[in-house]
C-alpha atoms as a PDB file:
ATOM      1  CA  MET A   1     -36.836  19.731  -3.165  1.00  0.00           C
ATOM      2  CA  THR A   2     -35.821  16.080  -2.829  1.00  0.00           C
ATOM      3  CA  ASP A   3     -34.928  15.902  -6.495  1.00  0.00           C
ATOM      4  CA  ASN A   4     -33.025  19.166  -6.286  1.00  0.00           C
ATOM      5  CA  LEU A   5     -30.984  17.896  -3.355  1.00  0.00           C
ATOM      6  CA  SER A   6     -30.030  14.538  -4.865  1.00  0.00           C
ATOM      7  CA  ILE A   7     -26.303  13.826  -4.796  1.00  0.00           C
ATOM      8  CA  TRP A   8     -26.015  13.796  -8.586  1.00  0.00           C
ATOM      9  CA  THR A   9     -27.832  17.137  -8.906  1.00  0.00           C
ATOM     10  CA  LEU A  10     -25.713  18.699  -6.183  1.00  0.00           C
ATOM     11  CA  VAL A  11     -22.511  17.590  -7.928  1.00  0.00           C
ATOM     12  CA  LEU A  12     -23.650  18.869 -11.329  1.00  0.00           C
ATOM     13  CA  GLU A  13     -24.811  22.210  -9.953  1.00  0.00           C
ATOM     14  CA  ALA A  14     -21.824  22.778  -7.675  1.00  0.00           C
ATOM     15  CA  GLY A  15     -19.370  25.559  -8.393  1.00  0.00           C
ATOM     16  CA  ILE A  16     -16.316  24.861 -10.536  1.00  0.00           C
ATOM     17  CA  VAL A  17     -13.954  24.812  -7.542  1.00  0.00           C
ATOM     18  CA  VAL A  18     -16.110  22.319  -5.642  1.00  0.00           C
ATOM     19  CA  GLN A  19     -16.439  20.170  -8.767  1.00  0.00           C
ATOM     20  CA  LEU A  20     -12.654  20.144  -9.196  1.00  0.00           C
ATOM     21  CA  VAL A  21     -12.285  19.107  -5.554  1.00  0.00           C
ATOM     22  CA  LEU A  22     -14.784  16.285  -6.079  1.00  0.00           C
ATOM     23  CA  LEU A  23     -12.982  15.120  -9.226  1.00  0.00           C
ATOM     24  CA  LEU A  24      -9.676  15.123  -7.358  1.00  0.00           C
ATOM     25  CA  LEU A  25     -11.163  13.100  -4.513  1.00  0.00           C
ATOM     26  CA  LEU A  26     -12.750  10.651  -6.948  1.00  0.00           C
ATOM     27  CA  GLY A  27      -9.395  10.228  -8.660  1.00  0.00           C
ATOM     28  CA  LEU A  28      -7.622   9.642  -5.356  1.00  0.00           C
ATOM     29  CA  SER A  29     -10.299   7.163  -4.335  1.00  0.00           C
ATOM     30  CA  PHE A  30     -10.031   5.266  -7.643  1.00  0.00           C
ATOM     31  CA  VAL A  31      -6.232   5.006  -7.405  1.00  0.00           C
ATOM     32  CA  SER A  32      -6.483   3.991  -3.749  1.00  0.00           C
ATOM     33  CA  TRP A  33      -8.907   1.161  -4.476  1.00  0.00           C
ATOM     34  CA  ALA A  34      -6.767  -0.057  -7.377  1.00  0.00           C
ATOM     35  CA  LEU A  35      -3.735  -0.021  -5.078  1.00  0.00           C
ATOM     36  CA  ILE A  36      -5.626  -1.717  -2.252  1.00  0.00           C
ATOM     37  CA  PHE A  37      -6.658  -4.571  -4.544  1.00  0.00           C
ATOM     38  CA  ASN A  38      -3.167  -4.855  -6.043  1.00  0.00           C
ATOM     39  CA  LYS A  39      -1.492  -4.992  -2.615  1.00  0.00           C
ATOM     40  CA  TRP A  40      -4.025  -7.575  -1.437  1.00  0.00           C
ATOM     41  CA  ARG A  41      -3.048  -9.831  -4.349  1.00  0.00           C
ATOM     42  CA  THR A  42       0.654  -9.159  -3.775  1.00  0.00           C
ATOM     43  CA  PHE A  43       0.579 -10.021  -0.084  1.00  0.00           C
ATOM     44  CA  ARG A  44      -1.627 -13.075  -0.591  1.00  0.00           C
ATOM     45  CA  ALA A  45       0.615 -14.414  -3.362  1.00  0.00           C
ATOM     46  CA  GLY A  46       3.743 -13.607  -1.345  1.00  0.00           C
ATOM     47  CA  LYS A  47       2.526 -15.449   1.761  1.00  0.00           C
ATOM     48  CA  ALA A  48       1.477 -18.501  -0.263  1.00  0.00           C
ATOM     49  CA  ALA A  49       4.834 -18.527  -2.082  1.00  0.00           C
ATOM     50  CA  ASP A  50       6.751 -18.207   1.213  1.00  0.00           C
ATOM     51  CA  ASP A  51       4.826 -21.140   2.656  1.00  0.00           C
ATOM     52  CA  ALA A  52       5.618 -23.216  -0.441  1.00  0.00           C
ATOM     53  CA  PHE A  53       9.278 -22.242  -0.279  1.00  0.00           C
ATOM     54  CA  ASN A  54       9.507 -23.155   3.402  1.00  0.00           C
ATOM     55  CA  ASP A  55       8.220 -26.632   2.593  1.00  0.00           C
ATOM     56  CA  VAL A  56      10.947 -26.999  -0.052  1.00  0.00           C
ATOM     57  CA  PHE A  57      13.735 -25.472   2.051  1.00  0.00           C
ATOM     58  CA  TRP A  58      13.110 -27.473   5.205  1.00  0.00           C
ATOM     59  CA  GLY A  59      12.190 -30.614   3.313  1.00  0.00           C
ATOM     60  CA  SER A  60      15.538 -31.026   1.548  1.00  0.00           C
ATOM     61  CA  ASP A  61      19.215 -31.111   2.510  1.00  0.00           C
ATOM     62  CA  ASP A  62      20.262 -30.481  -1.085  1.00  0.00           C
ATOM     63  CA  LEU A  63      20.625 -26.711  -1.453  1.00  0.00           C
ATOM     64  CA  ASP A  64      21.148 -27.011  -5.194  1.00  0.00           C
ATOM     65  CA  ALA A  65      17.743 -28.665  -5.472  1.00  0.00           C
ATOM     66  CA  VAL A  66      16.259 -25.952  -3.274  1.00  0.00           C
ATOM     67  CA  LYS A  67      17.860 -23.366  -5.566  1.00  0.00           C
ATOM     68  CA  GLN A  68      16.164 -24.871  -8.632  1.00  0.00           C
ATOM     69  CA  GLU A  69      12.793 -24.694  -6.902  1.00  0.00           C
ATOM     70  CA  ALA A  70      13.417 -21.180  -5.557  1.00  0.00           C
ATOM     71  CA  GLU A  71      14.157 -19.856  -9.031  1.00  0.00           C
ATOM     72  CA  GLN A  72      10.519 -20.566  -9.923  1.00  0.00           C
ATOM     73  CA  MET A  73       9.167 -18.658  -6.914  1.00  0.00           C
ATOM     74  CA  GLU A  74       9.398 -15.007  -7.885  1.00  0.00           C
ATOM     75  CA  ASN A  75       6.626 -14.014  -5.486  1.00  0.00           C
ATOM     76  CA  SER A  76       8.418 -15.418  -2.445  1.00  0.00           C
ATOM     77  CA  ALA A  77      10.531 -12.885  -0.560  1.00  0.00           C
ATOM     78  CA  GLN A  78      12.250 -15.700   1.316  1.00  0.00           C
ATOM     79  CA  ALA A  79      13.128 -17.483  -1.932  1.00  0.00           C
ATOM     80  CA  GLN A  80      14.771 -14.310  -3.253  1.00  0.00           C
ATOM     81  CA  VAL A  81      16.765 -13.922  -0.051  1.00  0.00           C
ATOM     82  CA  PHE A  82      17.829 -17.554  -0.327  1.00  0.00           C
ATOM     83  CA  LEU A  83      18.924 -17.193  -3.955  1.00  0.00           C
ATOM     84  CA  GLN A  84      21.133 -14.172  -3.313  1.00  0.00           C
ATOM     85  CA  GLY A  85      22.565 -15.580  -0.100  1.00  0.00           C
ATOM     86  CA  TYR A  86      23.292 -18.945  -1.700  1.00  0.00           C
ATOM     87  CA  ALA A  87      24.864 -17.240  -4.728  1.00  0.00           C
ATOM     88  CA  ALA A  88      27.235 -15.408  -2.381  1.00  0.00           C
ATOM     89  CA  PHE A  89      27.963 -18.680  -0.573  1.00  0.00           C
ATOM     90  CA  GLU A  90      28.797 -20.482  -3.824  1.00  0.00           C
ATOM     91  CA  LYS A  91      31.010 -17.617  -4.941  1.00  0.00           C
ATOM     92  CA  ILE A  92      33.021 -17.810  -1.724  1.00  0.00           C
ATOM     93  CA  LYS A  93      33.439 -21.579  -2.125  1.00  0.00           C
ATOM     94  CA  LYS A  94      34.465 -21.251  -5.765  1.00  0.00           C
ATOM     95  CA  GLU A  95      36.892 -18.367  -5.386  1.00  0.00           C
ATOM     96  CA  LYS A  96      37.992 -19.426  -1.893  1.00  0.00           C
ATOM     97  CA  ARG A  97      37.894 -15.868  -0.684  1.00  0.00           C
ATOM     98  CA  GLY A  98      35.369 -13.811   1.192  1.00  0.00           C
ATOM     99  CA  THR A  99      33.687 -14.270   4.553  1.00  0.00           C
ATOM    100  CA  ALA A 100      30.300 -14.788   6.079  1.00  0.00           C
ATOM    101  CA  LEU A 101      29.948 -11.011   5.987  1.00  0.00           C
ATOM    102  CA  ASN A 102      29.667 -11.195   2.211  1.00  0.00           C
ATOM    103  CA  ILE A 103      26.766 -13.616   2.555  1.00  0.00           C
ATOM    104  CA  ARG A 104      25.159 -11.494   5.254  1.00  0.00           C
ATOM    105  CA  HIS A 105      25.452  -8.415   3.062  1.00  0.00           C
ATOM    106  CA  ALA A 106      23.790 -10.221   0.129  1.00  0.00           C
ATOM    107  CA  ILE A 107      20.993 -11.413   2.394  1.00  0.00           C
ATOM    108  CA  ASP A 108      20.430  -7.999   3.975  1.00  0.00           C
ATOM    109  CA  HIS A 109      20.491  -6.238   0.613  1.00  0.00           C
ATOM    110  CA  THR A 110      17.867  -8.595  -0.831  1.00  0.00           C
ATOM    111  CA  TRP A 111      15.849  -8.421   2.385  1.00  0.00           C
ATOM    112  CA  THR A 112      15.699  -4.629   2.080  1.00  0.00           C
ATOM    113  CA  ALA A 113      14.789  -4.835  -1.617  1.00  0.00           C
ATOM    114  CA  GLN A 114      11.901  -7.194  -0.850  1.00  0.00           C
ATOM    115  CA  ILE A 115      10.607  -4.937   1.916  1.00  0.00           C
ATOM    116  CA  HIS A 116      10.640  -2.034  -0.532  1.00  0.00           C
ATOM    117  CA  ARG A 117       8.858  -4.130  -3.156  1.00  0.00           C
ATOM    118  CA  PHE A 118       6.048  -5.154  -0.852  1.00  0.00           C
ATOM    119  CA  SER A 119       5.678  -1.708   0.745  1.00  0.00           C
ATOM    120  CA  ALA A 120       5.527   0.172  -2.574  1.00  0.00           C
ATOM    121  CA  GLY A 121       2.408   2.327  -2.684  1.00  0.00           C
ATOM    122  CA  LEU A 122       1.646   2.235   1.042  1.00  0.00           C
ATOM    123  CA  SER A 123       2.893   5.801   1.435  1.00  0.00           C
ATOM    124  CA  PHE A 124       0.265   6.860  -1.130  1.00  0.00           C
ATOM    125  CA  LEU A 125      -2.482   5.272   0.968  1.00  0.00           C
ATOM    126  CA  ALA A 126      -1.148   7.068   4.029  1.00  0.00           C
ATOM    127  CA  THR A 127      -1.133  10.352   2.136  1.00  0.00           C
ATOM    128  CA  VAL A 128      -4.701   9.901   0.901  1.00  0.00           C
ATOM    129  CA  GLY A 129      -5.850   8.912   4.378  1.00  0.00           C
ATOM    130  CA  SER A 130      -4.347  12.009   5.964  1.00  0.00           C
ATOM    131  CA  THR A 131      -5.087  14.618   3.277  1.00  0.00           C
ATOM    132  CA  ALA A 132      -8.401  13.619   1.669  1.00  0.00           C
ATOM    133  CA  PRO A 133     -10.542  14.890   4.608  1.00  0.00           C
ATOM    134  CA  PHE A 134      -8.811  18.263   4.426  1.00  0.00           C
ATOM    135  CA  ILE A 135      -9.230  18.441   0.649  1.00  0.00           C
ATOM    136  CA  GLY A 136     -12.920  17.717   1.174  1.00  0.00           C
ATOM    137  CA  LEU A 137     -13.062  20.311   3.942  1.00  0.00           C
ATOM    138  CA  PHE A 138     -11.566  22.877   1.570  1.00  0.00           C
ATOM    139  CA  GLY A 139     -14.350  22.121  -0.907  1.00  0.00           C
ATOM    140  CA  THR A 140     -16.890  22.448   1.884  1.00  0.00           C
ATOM    141  CA  VAL A 141     -15.579  25.822   3.029  1.00  0.00           C
ATOM    142  CA  TRP A 142     -15.489  27.096  -0.534  1.00  0.00           C
ATOM    143  CA  GLY A 143     -19.031  25.880  -1.162  1.00  0.00           C
ATOM    144  CA  ILE A 144     -20.306  27.559   2.009  1.00  0.00           C
ATOM    145  CA  ILE A 145     -18.647  30.798   0.946  1.00  0.00           C
ATOM    146  CA  ASP A 146     -20.471  30.528  -2.391  1.00  0.00           C
ATOM    147  CA  ALA A 147     -23.724  29.852  -0.549  1.00  0.00           C
ATOM    148  CA  PHE A 148     -23.347  32.948   1.598  1.00  0.00           C
ATOM    149  CA  GLN A 149     -22.477  35.018  -1.466  1.00  0.00           C
ATOM    150  CA  SER A 150     -25.706  33.811  -3.074  1.00  0.00           C
ATOM    151  CA  ILE A 151     -27.609  34.853   0.049  1.00  0.00           C
ATOM    152  CA  GLY A 152     -26.014  38.264  -0.114  1.00  0.00           C
ATOM    153  CA  ILE A 153     -26.934  38.687  -3.772  1.00  0.00           C
ATOM    154  CA  THR A 154     -30.534  37.466  -3.481  1.00  0.00           C
ATOM    155  CA  GLN A 155     -31.146  38.892   0.012  1.00  0.00           C
ATOM    156  CA  ASN A 156     -33.084  35.709   0.696  1.00  0.00           C
ATOM    157  CA  THR A 157     -32.273  33.605   3.761  1.00  0.00           C
ATOM    158  CA  SER A 158     -35.058  31.051   3.407  1.00  0.00           C
ATOM    159  CA  LEU A 159     -34.209  27.360   3.765  1.00  0.00           C
ATOM    160  CA  ALA A 160     -35.019  26.774   0.107  1.00  0.00           C
ATOM    161  CA  THR A 161     -32.282  29.236  -0.822  1.00  0.00           C
ATOM    162  CA  VAL A 162     -29.649  28.187   1.716  1.00  0.00           C
ATOM    163  CA  ALA A 163     -30.104  24.399   1.662  1.00  0.00           C
ATOM    164  CA  PRO A 164     -28.764  23.610  -1.839  1.00  0.00           C
ATOM    165  CA  GLY A 165     -25.555  25.586  -1.329  1.00  0.00           C
ATOM    166  CA  ILE A 166     -24.877  24.100   2.101  1.00  0.00           C
ATOM    167  CA  ALA A 167     -25.728  20.610   0.853  1.00  0.00           C
ATOM    168  CA  GLU A 168     -23.367  20.816  -2.108  1.00  0.00           C
ATOM    169  CA  ALA A 169     -20.643  22.041   0.229  1.00  0.00           C
ATOM    170  CA  LEU A 170     -21.135  19.115   2.591  1.00  0.00           C
ATOM    171  CA  VAL A 171     -20.924  16.660  -0.312  1.00  0.00           C
ATOM    172  CA  ALA A 172     -17.225  17.575  -0.586  1.00  0.00           C
ATOM    173  CA  THR A 173     -16.672  16.556   3.037  1.00  0.00           C
ATOM    174  CA  ALA A 174     -18.477  13.261   2.421  1.00  0.00           C
ATOM    175  CA  PHE A 175     -16.330  12.558  -0.636  1.00  0.00           C
ATOM    176  CA  GLY A 176     -13.201  13.328   1.372  1.00  0.00           C
ATOM    177  CA  LEU A 177     -14.182  10.846   4.063  1.00  0.00           C
ATOM    178  CA  LEU A 178     -15.145   8.205   1.489  1.00  0.00           C
ATOM    179  CA  ALA A 179     -11.670   8.500  -0.011  1.00  0.00           C
ATOM    180  CA  ALA A 180      -9.834   8.629   3.316  1.00  0.00           C
ATOM    181  CA  ILE A 181     -11.487   5.871   5.353  1.00  0.00           C
ATOM    182  CA  PRO A 182     -10.680   2.891   3.047  1.00  0.00           C
ATOM    183  CA  ALA A 183      -7.140   4.220   2.568  1.00  0.00           C
ATOM    184  CA  VAL A 184      -6.528   4.428   6.327  1.00  0.00           C
ATOM    185  CA  ILE A 185      -8.004   0.971   6.983  1.00  0.00           C
ATOM    186  CA  ALA A 186      -5.953  -0.582   4.180  1.00  0.00           C
ATOM    187  CA  TYR A 187      -2.766   1.210   5.238  1.00  0.00           C
ATOM    188  CA  ASN A 188      -3.072  -0.084   8.805  1.00  0.00           C
ATOM    189  CA  ALA A 189      -3.864  -3.605   7.593  1.00  0.00           C
ATOM    190  CA  TYR A 190      -0.951  -3.712   5.173  1.00  0.00           C
ATOM    191  CA  THR A 191       1.414  -2.192   7.717  1.00  0.00           C
ATOM    192  CA  GLY A 192       0.620  -5.180   9.903  1.00  0.00           C
ATOM    193  CA  LYS A 193       1.359  -7.509   6.997  1.00  0.00           C
ATOM    194  CA  MET A 194       4.672  -5.708   6.422  1.00  0.00           C
ATOM    195  CA  LYS A 195       5.639  -6.323  10.051  1.00  0.00           C
ATOM    196  CA  ALA A 196       4.762 -10.000   9.638  1.00  0.00           C
ATOM    197  CA  LEU A 197       6.825 -10.196   6.443  1.00  0.00           C
ATOM    198  CA  ASN A 198       9.795  -8.514   8.093  1.00  0.00           C
ATOM    199  CA  SER A 199       9.540 -10.935  10.991  1.00  0.00           C
ATOM    200  CA  ARG A 200       9.474 -13.922   8.604  1.00  0.00           C
ATOM    201  CA  LEU A 201      12.538 -12.663   6.749  1.00  0.00           C
ATOM    202  CA  ASP A 202      14.353 -12.009  10.006  1.00  0.00           C
ATOM    203  CA  GLY A 203      13.725 -15.536  11.261  1.00  0.00           C
ATOM    204  CA  PHE A 204      14.529 -17.137   7.926  1.00  0.00           C
ATOM    205  CA  SER A 205      17.767 -15.177   7.477  1.00  0.00           C
ATOM    206  CA  THR A 206      19.044 -16.344  10.862  1.00  0.00           C
ATOM    207  CA  GLU A 207      18.142 -19.977  10.170  1.00  0.00           C
ATOM    208  CA  PHE A 208      19.570 -19.772   6.639  1.00  0.00           C
ATOM    209  CA  MET A 209      22.913 -18.505   7.939  1.00  0.00           C
ATOM    210  CA  ASN A 210      23.000 -21.422  10.386  1.00  0.00           C
ATOM    211  CA  VAL A 211      22.286 -23.881   7.558  1.00  0.00           C
ATOM    212  CA  LEU A 212      25.064 -22.380   5.420  1.00  0.00           C
ATOM    213  CA  THR A 213      27.464 -22.597   8.355  1.00  0.00           C
ATOM    214  CA  GLN A 214      26.719 -26.295   8.646  1.00  0.00           C
ATOM    215  CA  HIS A 215      27.197 -26.825   4.897  1.00  0.00           C
ATOM    216  CA  ALA A 216      30.491 -24.951   4.961  1.00  0.00           C
ATOM    217  CA  LYS A 217      31.856 -27.475   7.474  1.00  0.00           C
ATOM    218  CA  LYS A 218      31.098 -30.425   5.215  1.00  0.00           C
END
């Protein structure tokens, strides 16, 4: 009986609907883990690049020199905000028209673009976290229905007859939870990182505008 109730045997002997549910959950889990790893690298690289950019920005009064360094920091959200804001600032100085609102618009637009870049894929994790248990539950219900149909056909209610069908049904629930739990944990963790990133950009944007105001008076 132990061999017959192994996970691999249960999956192979499950009905076609349950097997499709399991394949779907495995696919969702695979994509989720790939996304989790990718976002981990993105956030780690972004934080390191922001720290490096801050050292450059606050360590120099020459904004042109800062610009040259920032152009090499594609992973830094703050560097991208700086580049677009400084480009708007230079355009105003060159054309002698425009206001601080033009700079603020460039900063806010880039800020929003960076938030979208870093948050890409998080909605998928949220979707997997909220739907995978129900997909697994659907597989479980369907498997139990099959099990009861088998009981009706064989007219045998012994444990040896019922156990395999119930077990294969419960495997779908387990797969659903295995897909959902990492997705929920990662989504919550990365949502916290998004709040931290937004806070960094908010603080930097304010300080950057103050720096540009001082440079405009020179």
